Amino acid sequence: MLKTKLLACLLVIPLSGCSGIGRETKAVVIDSGCYWTKPIRISRADILTEATAEQILAHNETGAKRCGWERAAPKTTP
């Protein structure tokens, strides 16, 4: 008796995933990255490797394209 119930449960579980056939669903993607990320700013005192500089540039360019970040004006010293 227990084996029969267990077998019935094991057969019903995979079939329950097919109940949505025929219905159209659409995924909604919410990109919240612009809320918590900021451009990376470096100072003249920073020492960067070429790879780190490329990664910072890629990060800032992506943020400018996707989030509307503006390029910071270079700071001039008096």
C-alpha atoms as a PDB file:
ATOM      1  CA  MET A   1       0.000   0.000   0.000  1.00  0.00           C
ATOM      2  CA  LEU A   2       2.764   2.443   0.936  1.00  0.00           C
ATOM      3  CA  LYS A   3       4.724   1.534  -2.180  1.00  0.00           C
ATOM      4  CA  THR A   4       1.681   2.226  -4.354  1.00  0.00           C
ATOM      5  CA  LYS A   5       1.170   5.684  -2.835  1.00  0.00           C
ATOM      6  CA  LEU A   6       4.855   6.493  -3.149  1.00  0.00           C
ATOM      7  CA  LEU A   7       4.869   5.392  -6.787  1.00  0.00           C
ATOM      8  CA  ALA A   8       1.766   7.502  -7.492  1.00  0.00           C
ATOM      9  CA  CYS A   9       3.411  10.562  -5.927  1.00  0.00           C
ATOM     10  CA  LEU A  10       6.586  10.056  -7.944  1.00  0.00           C
ATOM     11  CA  LEU A  11       4.593   9.879 -11.167  1.00  0.00           C
ATOM     12  CA  VAL A  12       2.414  12.913 -10.413  1.00  0.00           C
ATOM     13  CA  ILE A  13       5.264  15.289  -9.528  1.00  0.00           C
ATOM     14  CA  PRO A  14       6.897  15.388 -13.020  1.00  0.00           C
ATOM     15  CA  LEU A  15       3.499  15.717 -14.705  1.00  0.00           C
ATOM     16  CA  SER A  16       2.540  18.768 -12.649  1.00  0.00           C
ATOM     17  CA  GLY A  17       5.168  20.808 -14.505  1.00  0.00           C
ATOM     18  CA  CYS A  18       3.254  20.410 -17.764  1.00  0.00           C
ATOM     19  CA  SER A  19       0.166  22.236 -16.524  1.00  0.00           C
ATOM     20  CA  GLY A  20       1.357  25.539 -17.979  1.00  0.00           C
ATOM     21  CA  ILE A  21       1.536  24.345 -21.585  1.00  0.00           C
ATOM     22  CA  GLY A  22      -0.421  26.595 -23.896  1.00  0.00           C
ATOM     23  CA  ARG A  23      -0.200  29.668 -21.691  1.00  0.00           C
ATOM     24  CA  GLU A  24       2.125  32.426 -22.787  1.00  0.00           C
ATOM     25  CA  THR A  25       4.377  33.813 -20.091  1.00  0.00           C
ATOM     26  CA  LYS A  26       6.811  36.676 -20.368  1.00  0.00           C
ATOM     27  CA  ALA A  27       9.798  37.210 -18.111  1.00  0.00           C
ATOM     28  CA  VAL A  28      10.334  40.677 -16.678  1.00  0.00           C
ATOM     29  CA  VAL A  29      13.925  41.689 -16.030  1.00  0.00           C
ATOM     30  CA  ILE A  30      14.561  44.534 -13.620  1.00  0.00           C
ATOM     31  CA  ASP A  31      18.094  45.925 -13.803  1.00  0.00           C
ATOM     32  CA  SER A  32      18.819  47.552 -10.464  1.00  0.00           C
ATOM     33  CA  GLY A  33      22.552  47.891 -11.081  1.00  0.00           C
ATOM     34  CA  CYS A  34      22.288  51.629 -11.672  1.00  0.00           C
ATOM     35  CA  TYR A  35      20.960  52.124  -8.139  1.00  0.00           C
ATOM     36  CA  TRP A  36      23.930  50.661  -6.285  1.00  0.00           C
ATOM     37  CA  THR A  37      26.898  51.082  -8.622  1.00  0.00           C
ATOM     38  CA  LYS A  38      28.929  54.218  -9.126  1.00  0.00           C
ATOM     39  CA  PRO A  39      31.745  55.222 -11.479  1.00  0.00           C
ATOM     40  CA  ILE A  40      35.233  54.366 -10.289  1.00  0.00           C
ATOM     41  CA  ARG A  41      37.309  57.501  -9.805  1.00  0.00           C
ATOM     42  CA  ILE A  42      41.071  57.351  -9.508  1.00  0.00           C
ATOM     43  CA  SER A  43      43.513  59.941  -8.256  1.00  0.00           C
ATOM     44  CA  ARG A  44      46.914  60.866  -9.600  1.00  0.00           C
ATOM     45  CA  ALA A  45      48.493  59.100  -6.620  1.00  0.00           C
ATOM     46  CA  ASP A  46      46.975  55.731  -7.596  1.00  0.00           C
ATOM     47  CA  ILE A  47      49.297  53.219  -9.212  1.00  0.00           C
ATOM     48  CA  LEU A  48      47.450  50.986 -11.655  1.00  0.00           C
ATOM     49  CA  THR A  49      48.442  48.075 -13.793  1.00  0.00           C
ATOM     50  CA  GLU A  50      47.368  48.143 -17.424  1.00  0.00           C
ATOM     51  CA  ALA A  51      44.785  45.407 -16.764  1.00  0.00           C
ATOM     52  CA  THR A  52      43.263  47.290 -13.815  1.00  0.00           C
ATOM     53  CA  ALA A  53      43.043  50.491 -15.839  1.00  0.00           C
ATOM     54  CA  GLU A  54      41.268  48.610 -18.653  1.00  0.00           C
ATOM     55  CA  GLN A  55      38.787  47.097 -16.196  1.00  0.00           C
ATOM     56  CA  ILE A  56      38.018  50.481 -14.644  1.00  0.00           C
ATOM     57  CA  LEU A  57      37.545  51.988 -18.087  1.00  0.00           C
ATOM     58  CA  ALA A  58      35.223  49.145 -19.134  1.00  0.00           C
ATOM     59  CA  HIS A  59      33.201  49.568 -15.911  1.00  0.00           C
ATOM     60  CA  ASN A  60      32.847  53.319 -16.382  1.00  0.00           C
ATOM     61  CA  GLU A  61      31.986  53.071 -20.086  1.00  0.00           C
ATOM     62  CA  THR A  62      29.320  50.442 -19.379  1.00  0.00           C
ATOM     63  CA  GLY A  63      27.843  52.635 -16.637  1.00  0.00           C
ATOM     64  CA  ALA A  64      27.825  55.622 -18.977  1.00  0.00           C
ATOM     65  CA  LYS A  65      25.984  53.630 -21.617  1.00  0.00           C
ATOM     66  CA  ARG A  66      23.486  51.825 -19.382  1.00  0.00           C
ATOM     67  CA  CYS A  67      23.003  54.267 -16.499  1.00  0.00           C
ATOM     68  CA  GLY A  68      23.751  57.666 -18.046  1.00  0.00           C
ATOM     69  CA  TRP A  69      26.861  58.381 -15.994  1.00  0.00           C
ATOM     70  CA  GLU A  70      28.639  61.482 -17.186  1.00  0.00           C
ATOM     71  CA  ARG A  71      32.385  61.718 -17.525  1.00  0.00           C
ATOM     72  CA  ALA A  72      33.948  63.699 -14.736  1.00  0.00           C
ATOM     73  CA  ALA A  73      35.795  66.801 -15.778  1.00  0.00           C
ATOM     74  CA  PRO A  74      39.515  66.578 -15.028  1.00  0.00           C
ATOM     75  CA  LYS A  75      40.478  68.340 -11.849  1.00  0.00           C
ATOM     76  CA  THR A  76      42.818  71.244 -12.304  1.00  0.00           C
ATOM     77  CA  THR A  77      45.173  72.266  -9.586  1.00  0.00           C
ATOM     78  CA  PRO A  78      45.626  76.004  -8.980  1.00  0.00           C
END
